[in-house]
Amino acid sequence: MPADHYHLIRERSAATAEYAAVLLGKTLETRGEYKRYIGWVSDDHILNELLNAYRASGIVKAPALQAIGDRALEEQLVTGYTIRDSRYESNFVDELTITYAHADIRHALQLVALLRSEGIDARVQYEPRTSAFVYLKEWGDPGESEYHEVRQIANGNWIEYAKEYELVFEFRSTADRDRFDGIIRQYAKKNEADQPGLIYGSWWQPLYYANVRPAGDYRLIANNRLSDGRYYLESFSLIGQTDDIAAAYRTDEPGITYASYTFWANAAFYRI
């Protein structure tokens, strides 16, 4: 607690708004519910912090959840899922937040530098995740590395578990948040092979999303989520598919819960 608040305790004075905010922040911090982030876009050391976070992370594993997700993949009830660890949740303010997903750390470093060059500042949280999908046998031997693992299934295909991440940005204003879509479409969305002017590893269909709709080209979709308390499995889908996915993820496994909710994803991802 800041020293300049001690007199309020000694004198049993009424709490000021500032003092109440400090107490609330300390309570949330103690409970692990306060904001988590590795730094600000504007920080001199943010690229090192981001690189260190990536190097320290690995493939996230949650066997009980993955068994359910893998069964749904094998039965072609879903096309993929991700696994994340709740200990990395940012707890950012929804109205100011956009989450951006990718796999290559060079892309993340250049994206943060791009936002800085555009005069945008934001808190940055790095959240590791595993992306699981079916790797077809006709694509050849998938091999394994520190970035992905595979498991062969009955029909000869594999399920690949790939190391990915999400960057969660909490912007200083809704105006900055609303510029994000245009920046990505100009500098981080591939529209043609060997397209010049893009940051490294740009995807044909980038993925970024928000719980509160920003300005820009966003579409309402659904998240289908299984949780065991610490870890959670997520599959994104069209809203009309949620009942089928809920049935695919039905389980009697104790301690695992299912929930579905809607959120706003960028249009290029929606059109996949």
C-alpha atoms as a PDB file:
ATOM      1  CA  MET A   1       0.000   0.000   0.000  1.00  0.00           C
ATOM      2  CA  PRO A   2       1.375   3.484  -0.818  1.00  0.00           C
ATOM      3  CA  ALA A   3       2.815   5.220   2.224  1.00  0.00           C
ATOM      4  CA  ASP A   4       0.689   8.320   1.686  1.00  0.00           C
ATOM      5  CA  HIS A   5      -2.427   6.287   2.534  1.00  0.00           C
ATOM      6  CA  TYR A   6      -1.239   5.062   5.951  1.00  0.00           C
ATOM      7  CA  HIS A   7      -2.731   8.027   7.780  1.00  0.00           C
ATOM      8  CA  LEU A   8      -6.227   6.964   6.687  1.00  0.00           C
ATOM      9  CA  ILE A   9      -5.824   3.763   8.678  1.00  0.00           C
ATOM     10  CA  ARG A  10      -4.299   5.458  11.709  1.00  0.00           C
ATOM     11  CA  GLU A  11      -6.962   8.174  11.781  1.00  0.00           C
ATOM     12  CA  ARG A  12      -9.800   5.819  10.754  1.00  0.00           C
ATOM     13  CA  SER A  13     -10.733   8.359   8.130  1.00  0.00           C
ATOM     14  CA  ALA A  14     -13.282   7.739   5.409  1.00  0.00           C
ATOM     15  CA  ALA A  15     -11.756   6.096   2.367  1.00  0.00           C
ATOM     16  CA  THR A  16     -11.067   8.349  -0.585  1.00  0.00           C
ATOM     17  CA  ALA A  17     -11.826   7.167  -4.111  1.00  0.00           C
ATOM     18  CA  GLU A  18      -8.093   6.782  -4.738  1.00  0.00           C
ATOM     19  CA  TYR A  19      -7.637   4.733  -1.563  1.00  0.00           C
ATOM     20  CA  ALA A  20     -10.597   2.515  -2.434  1.00  0.00           C
ATOM     21  CA  ALA A  21      -9.134   1.928  -5.906  1.00  0.00           C
ATOM     22  CA  VAL A  22      -5.818   0.892  -4.365  1.00  0.00           C
ATOM     23  CA  LEU A  23      -7.537  -1.570  -2.022  1.00  0.00           C
ATOM     24  CA  LEU A  24      -9.623  -2.993  -4.852  1.00  0.00           C
ATOM     25  CA  GLY A  25      -6.547  -3.403  -7.021  1.00  0.00           C
ATOM     26  CA  LYS A  26      -4.623  -5.162  -4.257  1.00  0.00           C
ATOM     27  CA  THR A  27      -7.576  -7.472  -3.579  1.00  0.00           C
ATOM     28  CA  LEU A  28      -7.849  -8.423  -7.244  1.00  0.00           C
ATOM     29  CA  GLU A  29      -4.087  -8.904  -7.458  1.00  0.00           C
ATOM     30  CA  THR A  30      -4.121 -11.217  -4.433  1.00  0.00           C
ATOM     31  CA  ARG A  31      -6.947 -13.263  -5.955  1.00  0.00           C
ATOM     32  CA  GLY A  32      -5.173 -13.465  -9.319  1.00  0.00           C
ATOM     33  CA  GLU A  33      -7.914 -11.466 -11.020  1.00  0.00           C
ATOM     34  CA  TYR A  34      -5.998  -8.258 -11.706  1.00  0.00           C
ATOM     35  CA  LYS A  35      -4.712  -7.347 -15.162  1.00  0.00           C
ATOM     36  CA  ARG A  36      -1.863  -9.495 -16.438  1.00  0.00           C
ATOM     37  CA  TYR A  37       0.386  -8.135 -19.154  1.00  0.00           C
ATOM     38  CA  ILE A  38       4.013  -8.216 -20.243  1.00  0.00           C
ATOM     39  CA  GLY A  39       4.200  -4.507 -20.997  1.00  0.00           C
ATOM     40  CA  TRP A  40       3.026  -1.679 -23.233  1.00  0.00           C
ATOM     41  CA  VAL A  41       3.526  -1.307 -26.981  1.00  0.00           C
ATOM     42  CA  SER A  42       5.481   1.869 -26.201  1.00  0.00           C
ATOM     43  CA  ASP A  43       7.883   0.219 -23.722  1.00  0.00           C
ATOM     44  CA  ASP A  44      11.522   0.186 -24.806  1.00  0.00           C
ATOM     45  CA  HIS A  45      11.848  -3.461 -23.738  1.00  0.00           C
ATOM     46  CA  ILE A  46       8.531  -4.806 -25.063  1.00  0.00           C
ATOM     47  CA  LEU A  47      10.031  -6.787 -27.961  1.00  0.00           C
ATOM     48  CA  ASN A  48      12.456  -8.540 -25.604  1.00  0.00           C
ATOM     49  CA  GLU A  49       9.613  -9.286 -23.182  1.00  0.00           C
ATOM     50  CA  LEU A  50       7.533 -10.713 -26.013  1.00  0.00           C
ATOM     51  CA  LEU A  51      10.376 -12.847 -27.322  1.00  0.00           C
ATOM     52  CA  ASN A  52      11.159 -14.132 -23.818  1.00  0.00           C
ATOM     53  CA  ALA A  53       7.497 -15.008 -23.239  1.00  0.00           C
ATOM     54  CA  TYR A  54       7.416 -16.974 -26.481  1.00  0.00           C
ATOM     55  CA  ARG A  55      10.631 -18.835 -25.704  1.00  0.00           C
ATOM     56  CA  ALA A  56       9.407 -19.714 -22.205  1.00  0.00           C
ATOM     57  CA  SER A  57       6.121 -21.136 -23.476  1.00  0.00           C
ATOM     58  CA  GLY A  58       5.510 -24.575 -24.905  1.00  0.00           C
ATOM     59  CA  ILE A  59       2.725 -26.684 -26.303  1.00  0.00           C
ATOM     60  CA  VAL A  60      -0.176 -26.379 -23.852  1.00  0.00           C
ATOM     61  CA  LYS A  61      -1.551 -29.775 -22.824  1.00  0.00           C
ATOM     62  CA  ALA A  62      -4.760 -30.755 -21.059  1.00  0.00           C
ATOM     63  CA  PRO A  63      -5.259 -34.511 -21.631  1.00  0.00           C
ATOM     64  CA  ALA A  64      -8.862 -34.801 -20.433  1.00  0.00           C
ATOM     65  CA  LEU A  65     -10.024 -31.891 -22.577  1.00  0.00           C
ATOM     66  CA  GLN A  66      -7.971 -33.006 -25.557  1.00  0.00           C
ATOM     67  CA  ALA A  67      -9.498 -36.480 -25.448  1.00  0.00           C
ATOM     68  CA  ILE A  68     -12.930 -34.890 -25.931  1.00  0.00           C
ATOM     69  CA  GLY A  69     -11.706 -32.556 -28.660  1.00  0.00           C
ATOM     70  CA  ASP A  70      -9.841 -35.335 -30.458  1.00  0.00           C
ATOM     71  CA  ARG A  71     -12.921 -37.535 -30.489  1.00  0.00           C
ATOM     72  CA  ALA A  72     -14.894 -34.705 -32.098  1.00  0.00           C
ATOM     73  CA  LEU A  73     -12.118 -34.201 -34.654  1.00  0.00           C
ATOM     74  CA  GLU A  74     -11.987 -37.895 -35.549  1.00  0.00           C
ATOM     75  CA  GLU A  75     -15.758 -37.975 -35.995  1.00  0.00           C
ATOM     76  CA  GLN A  76     -15.542 -34.793 -38.131  1.00  0.00           C
ATOM     77  CA  LEU A  77     -17.892 -32.959 -35.791  1.00  0.00           C
ATOM     78  CA  VAL A  78     -15.470 -30.015 -35.517  1.00  0.00           C
ATOM     79  CA  THR A  79     -12.620 -28.844 -37.748  1.00  0.00           C
ATOM     80  CA  GLY A  80     -10.293 -27.811 -34.944  1.00  0.00           C
ATOM     81  CA  TYR A  81      -9.909 -26.547 -31.408  1.00  0.00           C
ATOM     82  CA  THR A  82      -7.439 -24.698 -29.208  1.00  0.00           C
ATOM     83  CA  ILE A  83      -6.204 -25.325 -25.662  1.00  0.00           C
ATOM     84  CA  ARG A  84      -5.337 -22.411 -23.364  1.00  0.00           C
ATOM     85  CA  ASP A  85      -4.243 -21.924 -19.752  1.00  0.00           C
ATOM     86  CA  SER A  86      -6.370 -19.595 -17.619  1.00  0.00           C
ATOM     87  CA  ARG A  87      -3.313 -18.441 -15.659  1.00  0.00           C
ATOM     88  CA  TYR A  88      -2.399 -16.234 -18.636  1.00  0.00           C
ATOM     89  CA  GLU A  89      -5.793 -14.521 -18.946  1.00  0.00           C
ATOM     90  CA  SER A  90      -5.328 -10.767 -19.233  1.00  0.00           C
ATOM     91  CA  ASN A  91      -8.473  -9.627 -17.392  1.00  0.00           C
ATOM     92  CA  PHE A  92      -8.492  -6.551 -19.629  1.00  0.00           C
ATOM     93  CA  VAL A  93     -11.472  -4.219 -20.098  1.00  0.00           C
ATOM     94  CA  ASP A  94     -13.654  -5.704 -22.849  1.00  0.00           C
ATOM     95  CA  GLU A  95     -14.541  -2.340 -24.394  1.00  0.00           C
ATOM     96  CA  LEU A  96     -10.862  -1.598 -25.093  1.00  0.00           C
ATOM     97  CA  THR A  97      -9.603  -5.082 -25.981  1.00  0.00           C
ATOM     98  CA  ILE A  98      -8.853  -7.021 -29.174  1.00  0.00           C
ATOM     99  CA  THR A  99      -7.207 -10.460 -29.242  1.00  0.00           C
ATOM    100  CA  TYR A 100      -4.969 -11.444 -32.178  1.00  0.00           C
ATOM    101  CA  ALA A 101      -3.897 -15.038 -32.918  1.00  0.00           C
ATOM    102  CA  HIS A 102      -0.862 -16.293 -34.833  1.00  0.00           C
ATOM    103  CA  ALA A 103       1.912 -18.895 -34.698  1.00  0.00           C
ATOM    104  CA  ASP A 104       5.170 -17.198 -35.775  1.00  0.00           C
ATOM    105  CA  ILE A 105       6.931 -15.016 -33.198  1.00  0.00           C
ATOM    106  CA  ARG A 106       8.514 -12.853 -35.917  1.00  0.00           C
ATOM    107  CA  HIS A 107       5.014 -11.837 -36.939  1.00  0.00           C
ATOM    108  CA  ALA A 108       4.206 -10.806 -33.366  1.00  0.00           C
ATOM    109  CA  LEU A 109       7.374  -8.731 -33.033  1.00  0.00           C
ATOM    110  CA  GLN A 110       6.693  -6.915 -36.277  1.00  0.00           C
ATOM    111  CA  LEU A 111       3.030  -6.392 -35.381  1.00  0.00           C
ATOM    112  CA  VAL A 112       3.917  -4.670 -32.109  1.00  0.00           C
ATOM    113  CA  ALA A 113       6.499  -2.539 -33.920  1.00  0.00           C
ATOM    114  CA  LEU A 114       3.867  -1.723 -36.557  1.00  0.00           C
ATOM    115  CA  LEU A 115       1.384  -0.524 -33.942  1.00  0.00           C
ATOM    116  CA  ARG A 116       4.089   1.663 -32.413  1.00  0.00           C
ATOM    117  CA  SER A 117       4.917   3.168 -35.819  1.00  0.00           C
ATOM    118  CA  GLU A 118       1.205   3.963 -36.252  1.00  0.00           C
ATOM    119  CA  GLY A 119       1.182   5.877 -32.976  1.00  0.00           C
ATOM    120  CA  ILE A 120      -0.961   3.322 -31.142  1.00  0.00           C
ATOM    121  CA  ASP A 121      -0.215   2.324 -27.562  1.00  0.00           C
ATOM    122  CA  ALA A 122      -1.767  -0.582 -25.689  1.00  0.00           C
ATOM    123  CA  ARG A 123      -1.141  -3.043 -22.914  1.00  0.00           C
ATOM    124  CA  VAL A 124       0.128  -6.350 -24.329  1.00  0.00           C
ATOM    125  CA  GLN A 125      -0.463  -9.799 -22.893  1.00  0.00           C
ATOM    126  CA  TYR A 126       1.068 -12.927 -24.407  1.00  0.00           C
ATOM    127  CA  GLU A 127      -1.134 -16.032 -24.058  1.00  0.00           C
ATOM    128  CA  PRO A 128       0.270 -19.365 -25.287  1.00  0.00           C
ATOM    129  CA  ARG A 129      -2.154 -21.788 -26.883  1.00  0.00           C
ATOM    130  CA  THR A 130      -2.171 -25.139 -28.670  1.00  0.00           C
ATOM    131  CA  SER A 131      -4.065 -25.438 -31.939  1.00  0.00           C
ATOM    132  CA  ALA A 132      -5.326 -28.935 -32.836  1.00  0.00           C
ATOM    133  CA  PHE A 133      -6.482 -29.982 -36.297  1.00  0.00           C
ATOM    134  CA  VAL A 134      -6.475 -32.976 -38.634  1.00  0.00           C
ATOM    135  CA  TYR A 135      -3.343 -33.418 -40.753  1.00  0.00           C
ATOM    136  CA  LEU A 136      -4.218 -35.530 -43.801  1.00  0.00           C
ATOM    137  CA  LYS A 137      -2.049 -38.541 -44.671  1.00  0.00           C
ATOM    138  CA  GLU A 138      -1.785 -37.444 -48.316  1.00  0.00           C
ATOM    139  CA  TRP A 139       0.171 -34.401 -47.156  1.00  0.00           C
ATOM    140  CA  GLY A 140       3.076 -36.700 -46.213  1.00  0.00           C
ATOM    141  CA  ASP A 141       4.820 -37.447 -42.932  1.00  0.00           C
ATOM    142  CA  PRO A 142       4.175 -34.482 -40.603  1.00  0.00           C
ATOM    143  CA  GLY A 143       7.201 -35.171 -38.388  1.00  0.00           C
ATOM    144  CA  GLU A 144       7.555 -33.472 -35.007  1.00  0.00           C
ATOM    145  CA  SER A 145       9.463 -30.505 -33.614  1.00  0.00           C
ATOM    146  CA  GLU A 146       9.427 -28.147 -30.653  1.00  0.00           C
ATOM    147  CA  TYR A 147       6.620 -26.326 -32.472  1.00  0.00           C
ATOM    148  CA  HIS A 148       4.256 -29.227 -33.088  1.00  0.00           C
ATOM    149  CA  GLU A 149       3.431 -32.780 -32.050  1.00  0.00           C
ATOM    150  CA  VAL A 150       1.273 -35.342 -33.852  1.00  0.00           C
ATOM    151  CA  ARG A 151      -0.774 -38.428 -33.053  1.00  0.00           C
ATOM    152  CA  GLN A 152      -1.893 -40.840 -35.771  1.00  0.00           C
ATOM    153  CA  ILE A 153      -5.556 -41.854 -35.712  1.00  0.00           C
ATOM    154  CA  ALA A 154      -7.415 -44.902 -36.995  1.00  0.00           C
ATOM    155  CA  ASN A 155      -8.007 -43.708 -40.575  1.00  0.00           C
ATOM    156  CA  GLY A 156      -4.302 -43.011 -41.141  1.00  0.00           C
ATOM    157  CA  ASN A 157      -4.543 -39.254 -40.699  1.00  0.00           C
ATOM    158  CA  TRP A 158      -2.893 -37.447 -37.816  1.00  0.00           C
ATOM    159  CA  ILE A 159      -4.046 -34.927 -35.274  1.00  0.00           C
ATOM    160  CA  GLU A 160      -1.467 -32.163 -35.102  1.00  0.00           C
ATOM    161  CA  TYR A 161      -0.965 -30.088 -31.944  1.00  0.00           C
ATOM    162  CA  ALA A 162       0.755 -26.835 -32.897  1.00  0.00           C
ATOM    163  CA  LYS A 163       2.341 -24.201 -30.688  1.00  0.00           C
ATOM    164  CA  GLU A 164       0.590 -20.875 -31.236  1.00  0.00           C
ATOM    165  CA  TYR A 165      -0.158 -17.731 -29.251  1.00  0.00           C
ATOM    166  CA  GLU A 166      -2.645 -14.931 -28.798  1.00  0.00           C
ATOM    167  CA  LEU A 167      -1.650 -11.316 -28.289  1.00  0.00           C
ATOM    168  CA  VAL A 168      -4.240  -9.484 -26.219  1.00  0.00           C
ATOM    169  CA  PHE A 169      -4.217  -5.704 -26.648  1.00  0.00           C
ATOM    170  CA  GLU A 170      -5.948  -3.279 -24.292  1.00  0.00           C
ATOM    171  CA  PHE A 171      -5.890   0.067 -26.080  1.00  0.00           C
ATOM    172  CA  ARG A 172      -5.837   3.460 -24.421  1.00  0.00           C
ATOM    173  CA  SER A 173      -9.024   4.490 -26.238  1.00  0.00           C
ATOM    174  CA  THR A 174     -11.805   3.068 -28.388  1.00  0.00           C
ATOM    175  CA  ALA A 175     -10.492   5.257 -31.225  1.00  0.00           C
ATOM    176  CA  ASP A 176      -7.175   3.371 -31.164  1.00  0.00           C
ATOM    177  CA  ARG A 177      -9.015   0.055 -30.891  1.00  0.00           C
ATOM    178  CA  ASP A 178     -11.110   0.927 -33.930  1.00  0.00           C
ATOM    179  CA  ARG A 179      -8.014   1.597 -36.079  1.00  0.00           C
ATOM    180  CA  PHE A 180      -6.771  -1.966 -35.570  1.00  0.00           C
ATOM    181  CA  ASP A 181      -8.906  -3.598 -38.272  1.00  0.00           C
ATOM    182  CA  GLY A 182      -7.712  -1.222 -40.980  1.00  0.00           C
ATOM    183  CA  ILE A 183      -4.068  -1.604 -39.978  1.00  0.00           C
ATOM    184  CA  ILE A 184      -4.264  -5.400 -40.135  1.00  0.00           C
ATOM    185  CA  ARG A 185      -6.054  -5.420 -43.484  1.00  0.00           C
ATOM    186  CA  GLN A 186      -3.416  -3.102 -44.935  1.00  0.00           C
ATOM    187  CA  TYR A 187      -0.252  -4.610 -43.472  1.00  0.00           C
ATOM    188  CA  ALA A 188      -0.994  -8.134 -42.174  1.00  0.00           C
ATOM    189  CA  LYS A 189      -3.567  -9.737 -44.484  1.00  0.00           C
ATOM    190  CA  LYS A 190      -2.344 -11.592 -47.570  1.00  0.00           C
ATOM    191  CA  ASN A 191      -4.470 -11.096 -50.668  1.00  0.00           C
ATOM    192  CA  GLU A 192      -2.012 -12.435 -53.259  1.00  0.00           C
ATOM    193  CA  ALA A 193       1.153 -14.521 -53.350  1.00  0.00           C
ATOM    194  CA  ASP A 194       4.374 -12.583 -52.711  1.00  0.00           C
ATOM    195  CA  GLN A 195       2.354  -9.488 -51.838  1.00  0.00           C
ATOM    196  CA  PRO A 196       4.720  -6.620 -50.956  1.00  0.00           C
ATOM    197  CA  GLY A 197       4.367  -4.374 -47.924  1.00  0.00           C
ATOM    198  CA  LEU A 198       3.154  -6.999 -45.442  1.00  0.00           C
ATOM    199  CA  ILE A 199       4.745  -7.915 -42.136  1.00  0.00           C
ATOM    200  CA  TYR A 200       6.405 -11.318 -41.903  1.00  0.00           C
ATOM    201  CA  GLY A 201       4.198 -14.422 -42.073  1.00  0.00           C
ATOM    202  CA  SER A 202       0.918 -12.638 -42.787  1.00  0.00           C
ATOM    203  CA  TRP A 203      -2.024 -15.019 -43.195  1.00  0.00           C
ATOM    204  CA  TRP A 204      -4.650 -15.136 -45.934  1.00  0.00           C
ATOM    205  CA  GLN A 205      -7.283 -15.191 -43.184  1.00  0.00           C
ATOM    206  CA  PRO A 206      -5.879 -13.533 -40.056  1.00  0.00           C
ATOM    207  CA  LEU A 207      -7.785 -14.037 -36.810  1.00  0.00           C
ATOM    208  CA  TYR A 208      -8.599 -11.304 -34.329  1.00  0.00           C
ATOM    209  CA  TYR A 209     -11.682 -10.842 -32.201  1.00  0.00           C
ATOM    210  CA  ALA A 210     -13.362  -8.887 -29.427  1.00  0.00           C
ATOM    211  CA  ASN A 211     -16.180  -9.355 -26.930  1.00  0.00           C
ATOM    212  CA  VAL A 212     -17.467  -5.825 -27.638  1.00  0.00           C
ATOM    213  CA  ARG A 213     -17.815  -4.942 -31.330  1.00  0.00           C
ATOM    214  CA  PRO A 214     -15.167  -2.504 -32.560  1.00  0.00           C
ATOM    215  CA  ALA A 215     -15.624  -0.319 -35.620  1.00  0.00           C
ATOM    216  CA  GLY A 216     -14.580  -2.164 -38.769  1.00  0.00           C
ATOM    217  CA  ASP A 217     -15.608  -5.315 -40.612  1.00  0.00           C
ATOM    218  CA  TYR A 218     -16.505  -7.768 -37.848  1.00  0.00           C
ATOM    219  CA  ARG A 219     -19.065 -10.583 -37.746  1.00  0.00           C
ATOM    220  CA  LEU A 220     -20.841 -12.240 -34.831  1.00  0.00           C
ATOM    221  CA  ILE A 221     -19.778 -15.861 -34.248  1.00  0.00           C
ATOM    222  CA  ALA A 222     -19.824 -18.347 -31.362  1.00  0.00           C
ATOM    223  CA  ASN A 223     -17.239 -19.780 -29.005  1.00  0.00           C
ATOM    224  CA  ASN A 224     -17.840 -23.302 -27.715  1.00  0.00           C
ATOM    225  CA  ARG A 225     -15.810 -23.814 -24.561  1.00  0.00           C
ATOM    226  CA  LEU A 226     -14.948 -26.730 -22.303  1.00  0.00           C
ATOM    227  CA  SER A 227     -13.150 -25.988 -19.030  1.00  0.00           C
ATOM    228  CA  ASP A 228     -11.588 -28.096 -16.297  1.00  0.00           C
ATOM    229  CA  GLY A 229     -10.937 -25.089 -14.068  1.00  0.00           C
ATOM    230  CA  ARG A 230      -7.388 -24.258 -15.097  1.00  0.00           C
ATOM    231  CA  TYR A 231      -7.336 -25.236 -18.766  1.00  0.00           C
ATOM    232  CA  TYR A 232      -9.979 -24.698 -21.401  1.00  0.00           C
ATOM    233  CA  LEU A 233     -10.717 -25.949 -24.890  1.00  0.00           C
ATOM    234  CA  GLU A 234     -12.305 -23.632 -27.437  1.00  0.00           C
ATOM    235  CA  SER A 235     -13.858 -24.140 -30.880  1.00  0.00           C
ATOM    236  CA  PHE A 236     -15.141 -21.173 -32.879  1.00  0.00           C
ATOM    237  CA  SER A 237     -18.203 -21.736 -35.044  1.00  0.00           C
ATOM    238  CA  LEU A 238     -21.180 -20.160 -36.734  1.00  0.00           C
ATOM    239  CA  ILE A 239     -23.949 -19.442 -34.255  1.00  0.00           C
ATOM    240  CA  GLY A 240     -26.232 -22.025 -35.867  1.00  0.00           C
ATOM    241  CA  GLN A 241     -23.706 -24.795 -35.192  1.00  0.00           C
ATOM    242  CA  THR A 242     -23.551 -24.440 -31.415  1.00  0.00           C
ATOM    243  CA  ASP A 243     -26.143 -27.120 -30.627  1.00  0.00           C
ATOM    244  CA  ASP A 244     -24.268 -29.698 -32.711  1.00  0.00           C
ATOM    245  CA  ILE A 245     -20.936 -28.803 -31.120  1.00  0.00           C
ATOM    246  CA  ALA A 246     -22.455 -28.908 -27.637  1.00  0.00           C
ATOM    247  CA  ALA A 247     -23.573 -32.460 -28.422  1.00  0.00           C
ATOM    248  CA  ALA A 248     -20.099 -33.328 -29.734  1.00  0.00           C
ATOM    249  CA  TYR A 249     -18.497 -32.047 -26.546  1.00  0.00           C
ATOM    250  CA  ARG A 250     -20.966 -33.682 -24.158  1.00  0.00           C
ATOM    251  CA  THR A 251     -19.085 -35.536 -21.435  1.00  0.00           C
ATOM    252  CA  ASP A 252     -19.622 -37.234 -18.089  1.00  0.00           C
ATOM    253  CA  GLU A 253     -16.043 -36.412 -17.087  1.00  0.00           C
ATOM    254  CA  PRO A 254     -16.244 -34.896 -13.572  1.00  0.00           C
ATOM    255  CA  GLY A 255     -15.112 -31.289 -13.214  1.00  0.00           C
ATOM    256  CA  ILE A 256     -15.461 -30.403 -16.898  1.00  0.00           C
ATOM    257  CA  THR A 257     -18.047 -27.783 -17.819  1.00  0.00           C
ATOM    258  CA  TYR A 258     -19.359 -26.547 -21.171  1.00  0.00           C
ATOM    259  CA  ALA A 259     -20.433 -23.028 -22.140  1.00  0.00           C
ATOM    260  CA  SER A 260     -21.167 -21.165 -25.366  1.00  0.00           C
ATOM    261  CA  TYR A 261     -21.258 -17.432 -26.038  1.00  0.00           C
ATOM    262  CA  THR A 262     -21.059 -15.022 -28.979  1.00  0.00           C
ATOM    263  CA  PHE A 263     -18.333 -12.536 -29.838  1.00  0.00           C
ATOM    264  CA  TRP A 264     -17.059 -10.485 -32.793  1.00  0.00           C
ATOM    265  CA  ALA A 265     -14.442 -11.862 -35.212  1.00  0.00           C
ATOM    266  CA  ASN A 266     -12.884 -10.184 -38.234  1.00  0.00           C
ATOM    267  CA  ALA A 267     -14.657 -10.796 -41.534  1.00  0.00           C
ATOM    268  CA  ALA A 268     -11.769 -12.616 -43.263  1.00  0.00           C
ATOM    269  CA  PHE A 269     -11.767 -15.300 -40.563  1.00  0.00           C
ATOM    270  CA  TYR A 270     -15.584 -15.504 -40.650  1.00  0.00           C
ATOM    271  CA  ARG A 271     -15.486 -16.278 -44.374  1.00  0.00           C
ATOM    272  CA  ILE A 272     -13.172 -19.339 -44.027  1.00  0.00           C
END
